[in-house]
Amino acid sequence: EKIVRGPQTVVCGTTSPADAGAAGLPQAMVAAVHHG
């Protein structure tokens, strides 16, 4: 899916748990990173 650039709500790839919850996004832990 092409990403439409909109208002930036995340600074330097970090946010607080409260902000993430307010956005209604699910959360999970990174288990591995392979080739992107």
All heavy atoms as atom14 arrays in JSON, in Angstrom:
{
  "sequence": "EKIVRGPQTVVCGTTSPADAGAAGLPQAMVAAVHHG",
  "atom14_mask": [
    [1, 1, 1, 1, 1, 1, 1, 1, 1, 0, 0, 0, 0, 0],
    [1, 1, 1, 1, 1, 1, 1, 1, 1, 0, 0, 0, 0, 0],
    [1, 1, 1, 1, 1, 1, 1, 1, 0, 0, 0, 0, 0, 0],
    [1, 1, 1, 1, 1, 1, 1, 0, 0, 0, 0, 0, 0, 0],
    [1, 1, 1, 1, 1, 1, 1, 1, 1, 1, 1, 0, 0, 0],
    [1, 1, 1, 1, 0, 0, 0, 0, 0, 0, 0, 0, 0, 0],
    [1, 1, 1, 1, 1, 1, 1, 0, 0, 0, 0, 0, 0, 0],
    [1, 1, 1, 1, 1, 1, 1, 1, 1, 0, 0, 0, 0, 0],
    [1, 1, 1, 1, 1, 1, 1, 0, 0, 0, 0, 0, 0, 0],
    [1, 1, 1, 1, 1, 1, 1, 0, 0, 0, 0, 0, 0, 0],
    [1, 1, 1, 1, 1, 1, 1, 0, 0, 0, 0, 0, 0, 0],
    [1, 1, 1, 1, 1, 1, 0, 0, 0, 0, 0, 0, 0, 0],
    [1, 1, 1, 1, 0, 0, 0, 0, 0, 0, 0, 0, 0, 0],
    [1, 1, 1, 1, 1, 1, 1, 0, 0, 0, 0, 0, 0, 0],
    [1, 1, 1, 1, 1, 1, 1, 0, 0, 0, 0, 0, 0, 0],
    [1, 1, 1, 1, 1, 1, 0, 0, 0, 0, 0, 0, 0, 0],
    [1, 1, 1, 1, 1, 1, 1, 0, 0, 0, 0, 0, 0, 0],
    [1, 1, 1, 1, 1, 0, 0, 0, 0, 0, 0, 0, 0, 0],
    [1, 1, 1, 1, 1, 1, 1, 1, 0, 0, 0, 0, 0, 0],
    [1, 1, 1, 1, 1, 0, 0, 0, 0, 0, 0, 0, 0, 0],
    [1, 1, 1, 1, 0, 0, 0, 0, 0, 0, 0, 0, 0, 0],
    [1, 1, 1, 1, 1, 0, 0, 0, 0, 0, 0, 0, 0, 0],
    [1, 1, 1, 1, 1, 0, 0, 0, 0, 0, 0, 0, 0, 0],
    [1, 1, 1, 1, 0, 0, 0, 0, 0, 0, 0, 0, 0, 0],
    [1, 1, 1, 1, 1, 1, 1, 1, 0, 0, 0, 0, 0, 0],
    [1, 1, 1, 1, 1, 1, 1, 0, 0, 0, 0, 0, 0, 0],
    [1, 1, 1, 1, 1, 1, 1, 1, 1, 0, 0, 0, 0, 0],
    [1, 1, 1, 1, 1, 0, 0, 0, 0, 0, 0, 0, 0, 0],
    [1, 1, 1, 1, 1, 1, 1, 1, 0, 0, 0, 0, 0, 0],
    [1, 1, 1, 1, 1, 1, 1, 0, 0, 0, 0, 0, 0, 0],
    [1, 1, 1, 1, 1, 0, 0, 0, 0, 0, 0, 0, 0, 0],
    [1, 1, 1, 1, 1, 0, 0, 0, 0, 0, 0, 0, 0, 0],
    [1, 1, 1, 1, 1, 1, 1, 0, 0, 0, 0, 0, 0, 0],
    [1, 1, 1, 1, 1, 1, 1, 1, 1, 1, 0, 0, 0, 0],
    [1, 1, 1, 1, 1, 1, 1, 1, 1, 1, 0, 0, 0, 0],
    [1, 1, 1, 1, 0, 0, 0, 0, 0, 0, 0, 0, 0, 0]
  ],
  "atom14_positions": [
    [[0.84, -1.19, 0.0], [0.0, 0.0, 0.0], [0.88, 1.25, 0.0], [1.77, 1.38, 0.83], [-0.9, 0.0, 1.25], [-1.76, 1.24, 1.37], [-2.5, 1.26, 2.7], [-2.24, 0.35, 3.5], [-3.3, 2.16, 2.92], [0.0, 0.0, 0.0], [0.0, 0.0, 0.0], [0.0, 0.0, 0.0], [0.0, 0.0, 0.0], [0.0, 0.0, 0.0]],
    [[0.64, 2.13, -0.96], [1.4, 3.38, -1.01], [1.05, 4.22, 0.2], [-0.11, 4.33, 0.58], [1.09, 4.15, -2.28], [1.91, 5.43, -2.4], [1.63, 6.16, -3.69], [2.43, 7.45, -3.76], [2.18, 8.19, -5.0], [0.0, 0.0, 0.0], [0.0, 0.0, 0.0], [0.0, 0.0, 0.0], [0.0, 0.0, 0.0], [0.0, 0.0, 0.0]],
    [[2.07, 4.8, 0.83], [1.87, 5.61, 2.03], [1.66, 7.05, 1.64], [2.5, 7.65, 0.96], [3.07, 5.48, 2.98], [3.25, 4.02, 3.39], [2.91, 6.37, 4.19], [4.53, 3.76, 4.13], [0.0, 0.0, 0.0], [0.0, 0.0, 0.0], [0.0, 0.0, 0.0], [0.0, 0.0, 0.0], [0.0, 0.0, 0.0], [0.0, 0.0, 0.0]],
    [[0.54, 7.62, 2.03], [0.26, 9.03, 1.77], [0.83, 9.84, 2.92], [0.47, 9.63, 4.08], [-1.26, 9.29, 1.64], [-1.53, 10.75, 1.38], [-1.83, 8.43, 0.51], [0.0, 0.0, 0.0], [0.0, 0.0, 0.0], [0.0, 0.0, 0.0], [0.0, 0.0, 0.0], [0.0, 0.0, 0.0], [0.0, 0.0, 0.0], [0.0, 0.0, 0.0]],
    [[1.75, 10.72, 2.63], [2.4, 11.51, 3.68], [1.42, 12.54, 4.22], [0.92, 13.36, 3.48], [3.65, 12.19, 3.14], [4.72, 11.19, 2.71], [5.99, 11.9, 2.3], [6.97, 10.95, 1.83], [7.78, 10.26, 2.62], [7.71, 10.45, 3.92], [8.65, 9.41, 2.14], [0.0, 0.0, 0.0], [0.0, 0.0, 0.0], [0.0, 0.0, 0.0]],
    [[1.18, 12.46, 5.52], [0.27, 13.39, 6.15], [0.94, 14.07, 7.31], [2.17, 14.09, 7.41], [0.0, 0.0, 0.0], [0.0, 0.0, 0.0], [0.0, 0.0, 0.0], [0.0, 0.0, 0.0], [0.0, 0.0, 0.0], [0.0, 0.0, 0.0], [0.0, 0.0, 0.0], [0.0, 0.0, 0.0], [0.0, 0.0, 0.0], [0.0, 0.0, 0.0]],
    [[0.18, 14.63, 8.26], [0.78, 15.29, 9.43], [1.61, 14.3, 10.24], [1.21, 13.16, 10.46], [-0.46, 15.76, 10.22], [-1.57, 15.81, 9.22], [-1.28, 14.72, 8.24], [0.0, 0.0, 0.0], [0.0, 0.0, 0.0], [0.0, 0.0, 0.0], [0.0, 0.0, 0.0], [0.0, 0.0, 0.0], [0.0, 0.0, 0.0], [0.0, 0.0, 0.0]],
    [[2.81, 14.74, 10.66], [3.72, 13.88, 11.39], [3.35, 13.88, 12.86], [3.43, 14.9, 13.54], [5.17, 14.36, 11.22], [5.64, 14.36, 9.78], [5.74, 12.95, 9.22], [6.35, 12.09, 9.83], [5.15, 12.72, 8.07], [0.0, 0.0, 0.0], [0.0, 0.0, 0.0], [0.0, 0.0, 0.0], [0.0, 0.0, 0.0], [0.0, 0.0, 0.0]],
    [[2.92, 12.72, 13.38], [2.55, 12.6, 14.78], [3.62, 11.89, 15.6], [3.54, 11.81, 16.81], [1.24, 11.81, 14.92], [1.39, 10.53, 14.31], [0.1, 12.55, 14.22], [0.0, 0.0, 0.0], [0.0, 0.0, 0.0], [0.0, 0.0, 0.0], [0.0, 0.0, 0.0], [0.0, 0.0, 0.0], [0.0, 0.0, 0.0], [0.0, 0.0, 0.0]],
    [[4.63, 11.33, 14.94], [5.7, 10.6, 15.62], [7.02, 11.31, 15.34], [7.33, 11.61, 14.19], [5.77, 9.14, 15.13], [6.89, 8.41, 15.84], [4.44, 8.45, 15.37], [0.0, 0.0, 0.0], [0.0, 0.0, 0.0], [0.0, 0.0, 0.0], [0.0, 0.0, 0.0], [0.0, 0.0, 0.0], [0.0, 0.0, 0.0], [0.0, 0.0, 0.0]],
    [[7.77, 11.59, 16.38], [9.05, 12.27, 16.24], [10.17, 11.26, 16.43], [10.23, 10.59, 17.46], [9.17, 13.42, 17.27], [10.51, 14.11, 17.12], [8.02, 14.4, 17.09], [0.0, 0.0, 0.0], [0.0, 0.0, 0.0], [0.0, 0.0, 0.0], [0.0, 0.0, 0.0], [0.0, 0.0, 0.0], [0.0, 0.0, 0.0], [0.0, 0.0, 0.0]],
    [[11.04, 11.13, 15.43], [12.2, 10.23, 15.49], [11.79, 8.8, 15.79], [12.52, 8.06, 16.45], [13.2, 10.72, 16.53], [13.95, 12.29, 16.1], [0.0, 0.0, 0.0], [0.0, 0.0, 0.0], [0.0, 0.0, 0.0], [0.0, 0.0, 0.0], [0.0, 0.0, 0.0], [0.0, 0.0, 0.0], [0.0, 0.0, 0.0], [0.0, 0.0, 0.0]],
    [[10.61, 8.41, 15.36], [10.2, 7.02, 15.5], [9.81, 6.6, 16.9], [9.7, 5.43, 17.19], [0.0, 0.0, 0.0], [0.0, 0.0, 0.0], [0.0, 0.0, 0.0], [0.0, 0.0, 0.0], [0.0, 0.0, 0.0], [0.0, 0.0, 0.0], [0.0, 0.0, 0.0], [0.0, 0.0, 0.0], [0.0, 0.0, 0.0], [0.0, 0.0, 0.0]],
    [[9.6, 7.56, 17.81], [9.23, 7.19, 19.16], [7.95, 7.9, 19.54], [7.62, 8.96, 19.03], [10.33, 7.57, 20.17], [10.5, 9.0, 20.14], [11.64, 6.9, 19.83], [0.0, 0.0, 0.0], [0.0, 0.0, 0.0], [0.0, 0.0, 0.0], [0.0, 0.0, 0.0], [0.0, 0.0, 0.0], [0.0, 0.0, 0.0], [0.0, 0.0, 0.0]],
    [[7.24, 7.3, 20.46], [6.05, 7.93, 21.01], [5.84, 7.38, 22.4], [6.51, 6.44, 22.82], [4.81, 7.65, 20.13], [3.68, 8.34, 20.65], [4.48, 6.17, 20.07], [0.0, 0.0, 0.0], [0.0, 0.0, 0.0], [0.0, 0.0, 0.0], [0.0, 0.0, 0.0], [0.0, 0.0, 0.0], [0.0, 0.0, 0.0], [0.0, 0.0, 0.0]],
    [[4.92, 7.94, 23.12], [4.65, 7.43, 24.46], [3.52, 6.42, 24.4], [2.73, 6.41, 23.47], [4.24, 8.6, 25.38], [2.98, 9.11, 24.97], [0.0, 0.0, 0.0], [0.0, 0.0, 0.0], [0.0, 0.0, 0.0], [0.0, 0.0, 0.0], [0.0, 0.0, 0.0], [0.0, 0.0, 0.0], [0.0, 0.0, 0.0], [0.0, 0.0, 0.0]],
    [[3.43, 5.52, 25.4], [2.34, 4.56, 25.39], [0.97, 5.22, 25.34], [0.05, 4.7, 24.72], [2.56, 3.78, 26.7], [4.02, 3.94, 27.0], [4.37, 5.31, 26.49], [0.0, 0.0, 0.0], [0.0, 0.0, 0.0], [0.0, 0.0, 0.0], [0.0, 0.0, 0.0], [0.0, 0.0, 0.0], [0.0, 0.0, 0.0], [0.0, 0.0, 0.0]],
    [[0.83, 6.37, 25.98], [-0.46, 7.06, 25.96], [-0.81, 7.52, 24.55], [-1.95, 7.42, 24.11], [-0.42, 8.25, 26.91], [0.0, 0.0, 0.0], [0.0, 0.0, 0.0], [0.0, 0.0, 0.0], [0.0, 0.0, 0.0], [0.0, 0.0, 0.0], [0.0, 0.0, 0.0], [0.0, 0.0, 0.0], [0.0, 0.0, 0.0], [0.0, 0.0, 0.0]],
    [[0.16, 8.05, 23.82], [-0.09, 8.5, 22.46], [-0.47, 7.33, 21.57], [-1.37, 7.44, 20.73], [1.16, 9.19, 21.89], [1.46, 10.5, 22.6], [0.53, 11.06, 23.2], [2.61, 10.94, 22.56], [0.0, 0.0, 0.0], [0.0, 0.0, 0.0], [0.0, 0.0, 0.0], [0.0, 0.0, 0.0], [0.0, 0.0, 0.0], [0.0, 0.0, 0.0]],
    [[0.24, 6.2, 21.73], [-0.07, 5.04, 20.9], [-1.47, 4.53, 21.2], [-2.22, 4.13, 20.31], [0.96, 3.93, 21.13], [0.0, 0.0, 0.0], [0.0, 0.0, 0.0], [0.0, 0.0, 0.0], [0.0, 0.0, 0.0], [0.0, 0.0, 0.0], [0.0, 0.0, 0.0], [0.0, 0.0, 0.0], [0.0, 0.0, 0.0], [0.0, 0.0, 0.0]],
    [[-1.87, 4.53, 22.49], [-3.2, 4.07, 22.83], [-4.27, 5.0, 22.3], [-5.34, 4.57, 21.87], [0.0, 0.0, 0.0], [0.0, 0.0, 0.0], [0.0, 0.0, 0.0], [0.0, 0.0, 0.0], [0.0, 0.0, 0.0], [0.0, 0.0, 0.0], [0.0, 0.0, 0.0], [0.0, 0.0, 0.0], [0.0, 0.0, 0.0], [0.0, 0.0, 0.0]],
    [[-4.0, 6.33, 22.34], [-4.96, 7.29, 21.83], [-5.18, 7.11, 20.35], [-6.27, 7.34, 19.84], [-4.49, 8.72, 22.13], [0.0, 0.0, 0.0], [0.0, 0.0, 0.0], [0.0, 0.0, 0.0], [0.0, 0.0, 0.0], [0.0, 0.0, 0.0], [0.0, 0.0, 0.0], [0.0, 0.0, 0.0], [0.0, 0.0, 0.0], [0.0, 0.0, 0.0]],
    [[-4.14, 6.68, 19.64], [-4.27, 6.46, 18.21], [-5.02, 5.18, 17.9], [-5.37, 4.93, 16.75], [-2.89, 6.44, 17.55], [0.0, 0.0, 0.0], [0.0, 0.0, 0.0], [0.0, 0.0, 0.0], [0.0, 0.0, 0.0], [0.0, 0.0, 0.0], [0.0, 0.0, 0.0], [0.0, 0.0, 0.0], [0.0, 0.0, 0.0], [0.0, 0.0, 0.0]],
    [[-5.25, 4.34, 18.92], [-5.98, 3.11, 18.71], [-5.21, 2.04, 17.96], [-5.82, 1.17, 17.34], [0.0, 0.0, 0.0], [0.0, 0.0, 0.0], [0.0, 0.0, 0.0], [0.0, 0.0, 0.0], [0.0, 0.0, 0.0], [0.0, 0.0, 0.0], [0.0, 0.0, 0.0], [0.0, 0.0, 0.0], [0.0, 0.0, 0.0], [0.0, 0.0, 0.0]],
    [[-3.89, 2.08, 18.01], [-3.08, 1.12, 17.27], [-2.71, -0.07, 18.16], [-2.35, 0.12, 19.32], [-1.79, 1.78, 16.75], [-1.97, 2.91, 15.75], [-0.62, 3.51, 15.39], [-2.67, 2.42, 14.49], [0.0, 0.0, 0.0], [0.0, 0.0, 0.0], [0.0, 0.0, 0.0], [0.0, 0.0, 0.0], [0.0, 0.0, 0.0], [0.0, 0.0, 0.0]],
    [[-2.75, -1.28, 17.62], [-2.29, -2.44, 18.41], [-0.78, -2.39, 18.61], [-0.06, -1.75, 17.84], [-2.7, -3.64, 17.54], [-2.79, -3.09, 16.16], [-3.24, -1.67, 16.3], [0.0, 0.0, 0.0], [0.0, 0.0, 0.0], [0.0, 0.0, 0.0], [0.0, 0.0, 0.0], [0.0, 0.0, 0.0], [0.0, 0.0, 0.0], [0.0, 0.0, 0.0]],
    [[-0.31, -3.08, 19.65], [1.12, -3.08, 19.98], [1.63, -4.51, 20.06], [0.89, -5.43, 20.4], [1.36, -2.36, 21.3], [0.92, -0.9, 21.29], [1.05, -0.26, 22.66], [1.61, -0.85, 23.58], [0.52, 0.95, 22.8], [0.0, 0.0, 0.0], [0.0, 0.0, 0.0], [0.0, 0.0, 0.0], [0.0, 0.0, 0.0], [0.0, 0.0, 0.0]],
    [[2.91, -4.69, 19.76], [3.54, -6.01, 19.83], [5.03, -5.82, 20.0], [5.57, -4.71, 19.8], [3.23, -6.84, 18.59], [0.0, 0.0, 0.0], [0.0, 0.0, 0.0], [0.0, 0.0, 0.0], [0.0, 0.0, 0.0], [0.0, 0.0, 0.0], [0.0, 0.0, 0.0], [0.0, 0.0, 0.0], [0.0, 0.0, 0.0], [0.0, 0.0, 0.0]],
    [[5.73, -6.9, 20.37], [7.18, -6.85, 20.56], [7.88, -7.4, 19.33], [7.42, -8.37, 18.72], [7.57, -7.66, 21.79], [9.06, -7.68, 22.09], [9.47, -8.53, 23.65], [8.93, -7.28, 24.84], [0.0, 0.0, 0.0], [0.0, 0.0, 0.0], [0.0, 0.0, 0.0], [0.0, 0.0, 0.0], [0.0, 0.0, 0.0], [0.0, 0.0, 0.0]],
    [[9.0, -6.77, 18.96], [9.79, -7.22, 17.81], [10.49, -8.52, 18.18], [11.23, -8.59, 19.17], [10.81, -6.15, 17.4], [11.73, -6.68, 16.3], [10.1, -4.89, 16.93], [0.0, 0.0, 0.0], [0.0, 0.0, 0.0], [0.0, 0.0, 0.0], [0.0, 0.0, 0.0], [0.0, 0.0, 0.0], [0.0, 0.0, 0.0], [0.0, 0.0, 0.0]],
    [[10.25, -9.56, 17.38], [10.86, -10.86, 17.63], [12.09, -11.1, 16.76], [13.0, -11.84, 17.15], [9.85, -11.99, 17.39], [0.0, 0.0, 0.0], [0.0, 0.0, 0.0], [0.0, 0.0, 0.0], [0.0, 0.0, 0.0], [0.0, 0.0, 0.0], [0.0, 0.0, 0.0], [0.0, 0.0, 0.0], [0.0, 0.0, 0.0], [0.0, 0.0, 0.0]],
    [[12.15, -10.48, 15.58], [13.3, -10.63, 14.68], [13.18, -9.6, 13.58], [12.07, -9.12, 13.27], [13.36, -12.04, 14.09], [0.0, 0.0, 0.0], [0.0, 0.0, 0.0], [0.0, 0.0, 0.0], [0.0, 0.0, 0.0], [0.0, 0.0, 0.0], [0.0, 0.0, 0.0], [0.0, 0.0, 0.0], [0.0, 0.0, 0.0], [0.0, 0.0, 0.0]],
    [[14.32, -9.24, 12.99], [14.35, -8.31, 11.86], [15.19, -8.96, 10.76], [16.37, -9.26, 10.97], [14.95, -6.94, 12.25], [14.96, -6.0, 11.05], [14.18, -6.32, 13.41], [0.0, 0.0, 0.0], [0.0, 0.0, 0.0], [0.0, 0.0, 0.0], [0.0, 0.0, 0.0], [0.0, 0.0, 0.0], [0.0, 0.0, 0.0], [0.0, 0.0, 0.0]],
    [[14.57, -9.2, 9.59], [15.26, -9.87, 8.49], [14.98, -9.14, 7.18], [13.83, -9.08, 6.74], [14.81, -11.32, 8.35], [15.15, -12.19, 9.52], [16.45, -12.42, 9.94], [14.37, -12.87, 10.39], [16.44, -13.21, 11.0], [15.2, -13.49, 11.3], [0.0, 0.0, 0.0], [0.0, 0.0, 0.0], [0.0, 0.0, 0.0], [0.0, 0.0, 0.0]],
    [[16.02, -8.57, 6.56], [15.93, -8.03, 5.21], [14.74, -7.08, 5.04], [13.97, -7.18, 4.09], [15.84, -9.15, 4.18], [16.94, -10.15, 4.29], [18.27, -9.84, 4.06], [16.93, -11.46, 4.64], [19.02, -10.92, 4.24], [18.24, -11.91, 4.6], [0.0, 0.0, 0.0], [0.0, 0.0, 0.0], [0.0, 0.0, 0.0], [0.0, 0.0, 0.0]],
    [[14.57, -6.18, 5.99], [13.5, -5.2, 5.88], [12.17, -5.66, 6.43], [11.25, -4.86, 6.58], [0.0, 0.0, 0.0], [0.0, 0.0, 0.0], [0.0, 0.0, 0.0], [0.0, 0.0, 0.0], [0.0, 0.0, 0.0], [0.0, 0.0, 0.0], [0.0, 0.0, 0.0], [0.0, 0.0, 0.0], [0.0, 0.0, 0.0], [0.0, 0.0, 0.0]]
  ]
}
